[in-house]
Protein backbone atom coordinates (compact mmCIF):
# COMPACT_ATOMS: atom_id res chain seq x y z
CA UNK A 1 16.71 4.07 5.75
CA UNK A 2 14.62 6.90 4.04
CA UNK A 3 12.88 6.47 0.74
CA UNK A 4 14.85 9.50 -0.74
CA UNK A 5 17.92 7.70 0.07
CA UNK A 6 17.30 4.78 -2.46
CA UNK A 7 18.21 3.97 -6.11
CA UNK A 8 16.10 4.60 -8.77
CA UNK A 9 15.42 1.25 -9.52
CA UNK A 10 15.07 0.17 -5.46
CA UNK A 11 12.15 3.16 -5.68
CA UNK A 12 10.76 1.29 -8.95
CA UNK A 13 10.74 -2.01 -6.91
CA UNK A 14 9.12 -0.30 -4.07
CA UNK A 15 6.31 1.18 -5.79
CA UNK A 16 5.84 -2.15 -7.85
CA UNK A 17 5.60 -3.91 -4.61
CA UNK A 18 3.24 -1.50 -3.08
CA UNK A 19 0.97 -1.41 -5.97
CA UNK A 20 0.82 -5.44 -5.91
CA UNK A 21 -0.09 -5.51 -2.17
CA UNK A 22 -2.90 -2.76 -2.74
CA UNK A 23 -4.33 -4.74 -5.39
CA UNK A 24 -4.03 -8.04 -3.26
CA UNK A 25 -5.87 -5.82 -0.69
CA UNK A 26 -8.52 -4.59 -2.98
CA UNK A 27 -9.08 -8.00 -4.39
CA UNK A 28 -9.16 -9.45 -0.88
CA UNK A 29 -11.66 -6.91 0.00
CA UNK A 30 -13.65 -7.05 -3.10
CA UNK A 31 -14.04 -10.76 -2.77
CA UNK A 32 -15.55 -10.34 1.05
CA UNK A 33 -17.78 -7.75 -0.40
CA UNK A 34 -18.97 -10.00 -3.23
CA UNK A 35 -19.44 -13.05 -0.75
CA UNK A 36 -21.61 -10.91 1.73
CA UNK A 37 -23.56 -9.48 -0.95
CA UNK A 38 -24.72 -12.95 -2.54
CA UNK A 39 -25.51 -14.11 1.11
CA UNK A 40 -27.62 -10.95 1.76
CA UNK A 41 -29.27 -11.62 -1.66
CA UNK A 42 -29.93 -15.24 -0.55
CA UNK A 43 -31.33 -14.35 2.66
CA UNK A 44 -33.71 -11.77 0.97
CA UNK A 45 -34.79 -14.22 -1.40
CA UNK A 46 -35.17 -16.84 1.29
CA UNK A 47 -37.35 -14.00 3.65
CA UNK A 48 -39.37 -12.78 0.18
CA UNK A 49 -40.26 -16.71 -0.35
CA UNK A 50 -41.18 -16.91 3.29
CA UNK A 51 -43.54 -13.95 3.20
CA UNK A 52 -45.12 -14.68 0.12
CA UNK A 53 -45.96 -18.00 1.87
CA UNK A 54 -47.24 -16.58 4.78
CA UNK A 55 -49.25 -14.06 2.71
CA UNK A 56 -50.74 -16.82 0.61
CA UNK A 57 -51.89 -18.65 3.73
CA UNK A 58 -53.43 -15.57 5.12
CA UNK A 59 -55.17 -15.03 2.21
CA UNK A 60 -56.45 -18.47 1.74
CA UNK A 61 -57.36 -19.10 5.86
CA UNK A 62 -61.28 -18.89 5.51
CA UNK A 63 -60.97 -21.60 2.49
CA UNK A 64 -58.82 -23.72 4.92
CA UNK A 65 -61.46 -22.98 7.82
CA UNK A 66 -64.26 -23.74 5.68
CA UNK A 67 -62.40 -26.94 4.90
CA UNK A 68 -61.38 -27.96 8.11
CA UNK A 69 -65.23 -27.44 9.51
CA UNK A 70 -66.48 -29.67 6.58
CA UNK A 71 -63.75 -32.52 7.55
CA UNK A 72 -65.24 -32.41 10.87
CA UNK A 73 -68.76 -33.15 9.82
CA UNK A 74 -68.05 -35.57 7.03
CA UNK A 75 -65.12 -37.46 8.31
CA UNK A 76 -66.31 -40.75 10.45
CA UNK A 77 -65.32 -41.94 13.53
CA UNK A 78 -63.62 -45.12 14.12
CA UNK A 79 -65.86 -47.61 15.77
CA UNK A 80 -63.83 -50.92 15.31
CA UNK A 81 -60.69 -51.43 13.78
CA UNK A 82 -60.97 -54.66 12.12
CA UNK A 83 -64.75 -53.97 11.14
CA UNK A 84 -63.18 -51.32 9.20
CA UNK A 85 -60.66 -52.81 8.00
CA UNK A 86 -62.95 -55.78 6.41
CA UNK A 87 -65.32 -53.48 5.19
CA UNK A 88 -62.75 -51.69 3.31
CA UNK A 89 -61.55 -54.92 2.15
CA UNK A 90 -65.24 -55.94 0.89
CA UNK A 91 -65.35 -52.54 -0.90
CA UNK A 92 -61.90 -52.99 -2.91
CA UNK A 93 -62.85 -56.40 -3.79
CA UNK A 94 -66.18 -55.40 -5.31
CA UNK A 95 -64.68 -52.55 -7.24
CA UNK A 96 -62.03 -54.50 -8.61
CA UNK A 97 -64.65 -57.13 -9.62
CA UNK A 98 -66.50 -54.42 -11.38
CA UNK A 99 -63.44 -53.40 -13.21
CA UNK A 100 -62.37 -57.23 -14.18
CA UNK A 101 -59.26 -57.00 -11.84
CA UNK A 102 -58.33 -59.76 -9.60
CA UNK A 103 -57.58 -59.18 -6.07
CA UNK A 104 -55.10 -61.39 -4.18
CA UNK A 105 -52.73 -61.58 -1.04
CA UNK A 106 -55.08 -59.41 1.27
CA UNK A 107 -53.57 -58.38 4.45
CA UNK A 108 -54.78 -56.17 7.34
CA UNK A 109 -51.83 -54.33 9.14
CA UNK A 110 -51.84 -52.95 12.23
CA UNK A 111 -53.79 -49.45 12.59
CA UNK A 112 -51.77 -46.12 12.77
CA UNK A 113 -52.60 -43.24 14.65
CA UNK A 114 -50.93 -40.28 12.01
CA UNK A 115 -51.19 -36.50 11.55
CA UNK A 116 -54.51 -35.95 13.64
CA UNK A 117 -55.99 -39.12 12.18
CA UNK A 118 -56.42 -42.75 12.21
CA UNK A 119 -55.51 -44.81 9.15
CA UNK A 120 -57.00 -48.25 8.51
CA UNK A 121 -54.48 -49.84 5.84
CA UNK A 122 -55.20 -52.76 3.59
CA UNK A 123 -52.39 -54.51 1.80
CA UNK A 124 -53.36 -56.32 -1.50
CA UNK A 125 -51.94 -57.49 -4.88
CA UNK A 126 -54.28 -56.21 -7.85
CA UNK A 127 -53.68 -57.93 -11.22
CA UNK A 128 -55.41 -56.80 -14.58
CA UNK A 129 -55.25 -54.42 -17.44
CA UNK A 130 -54.25 -50.54 -17.48
CA UNK A 131 -57.62 -49.03 -18.11
CA UNK A 132 -59.45 -51.50 -15.32
CA UNK A 133 -56.48 -50.14 -12.92
CA UNK A 134 -56.93 -46.18 -13.86
CA UNK A 135 -60.72 -46.89 -13.41
CA UNK A 136 -60.64 -48.34 -10.19
CA UNK A 137 -58.11 -46.06 -8.94
CA UNK A 138 -60.33 -43.45 -9.84
CA UNK A 139 -63.51 -44.78 -8.42
CA UNK A 140 -61.65 -44.96 -5.23
CA UNK A 141 -60.76 -41.93 -4.55
CA UNK A 142 -63.26 -39.43 -4.09
CA UNK A 143 -63.57 -36.78 -0.84
CA UNK A 144 -66.28 -38.29 0.68
CA UNK A 145 -64.38 -42.05 0.89
CA UNK A 146 -61.29 -40.78 2.75
CA UNK A 147 -59.44 -43.45 1.10
CA UNK A 148 -55.73 -42.65 0.42
CA UNK A 149 -53.36 -44.85 -1.52
CA UNK A 150 -50.11 -44.93 0.65
CA UNK A 151 -47.74 -47.08 -1.16
CA UNK A 152 -48.13 -48.77 -4.87
CA UNK A 153 -45.71 -50.54 -6.94
CA UNK A 154 -46.60 -51.72 -10.63
CA UNK A 155 -45.13 -53.75 -13.07
CA UNK A 156 -45.71 -55.41 -16.22
CA UNK A 157 -47.09 -59.09 -15.64
CA UNK A 158 -44.34 -61.62 -16.24
CA UNK A 159 -47.00 -64.34 -17.95
CA UNK A 160 -48.98 -61.65 -19.80
CA UNK A 161 -47.32 -58.45 -21.35
CA UNK A 162 -50.91 -56.91 -21.49
CA UNK A 163 -51.66 -57.07 -17.98
CA UNK A 164 -50.57 -55.18 -15.12
CA UNK A 165 -49.54 -56.46 -11.28
CA UNK A 166 -49.79 -54.08 -8.66
CA UNK A 167 -48.92 -54.04 -4.97
CA UNK A 168 -50.89 -51.65 -3.00
CA UNK A 169 -51.34 -50.27 0.45
CA UNK A 170 -54.53 -48.35 0.72
CA UNK A 171 -56.00 -46.75 4.14
CA UNK A 172 -59.28 -45.29 5.11
CA UNK A 173 -58.72 -42.29 7.11
CA UNK A 174 -60.84 -41.50 10.22
CA UNK A 175 -61.38 -38.92 12.49
CA UNK A 176 -58.76 -39.04 15.53
CA UNK A 177 -59.95 -40.86 18.74
């Protein structure tokens, strides 16, 4: 059957169906291109972010080399695990008493090798006022001490609302063995 043999209403129906088919194909193609464009834009943003990060690392390389050199010169070497743990615990007790805090439930967990260094942790419970705890923590963390707070849990003391009760895991870092 030829198109010229169709009646006027049949020709109109074929035209409508053909128009809808062309529109449907255009919508599918446009959606594909829109998804592809969005994916390419996301990849471009990710690559730009990676490039910026690498550029920042390249720009700050001398600073990090200087810091690595300082770290190699100043970070202590671990001689005796238990002696260093006890020395850290003694330092923590002295600092806590200086700030009016009480230190209890001390434990010396096992020494761990992590990230190119050796961590000597100490777990303890600290009780005192908020200002004393802040001063205690501020005094602990200086660059020359190599002391980090690995874990902390702070809560208001159940018996006295003006006091804080804190569970800490604090470690001193030593150079790799």
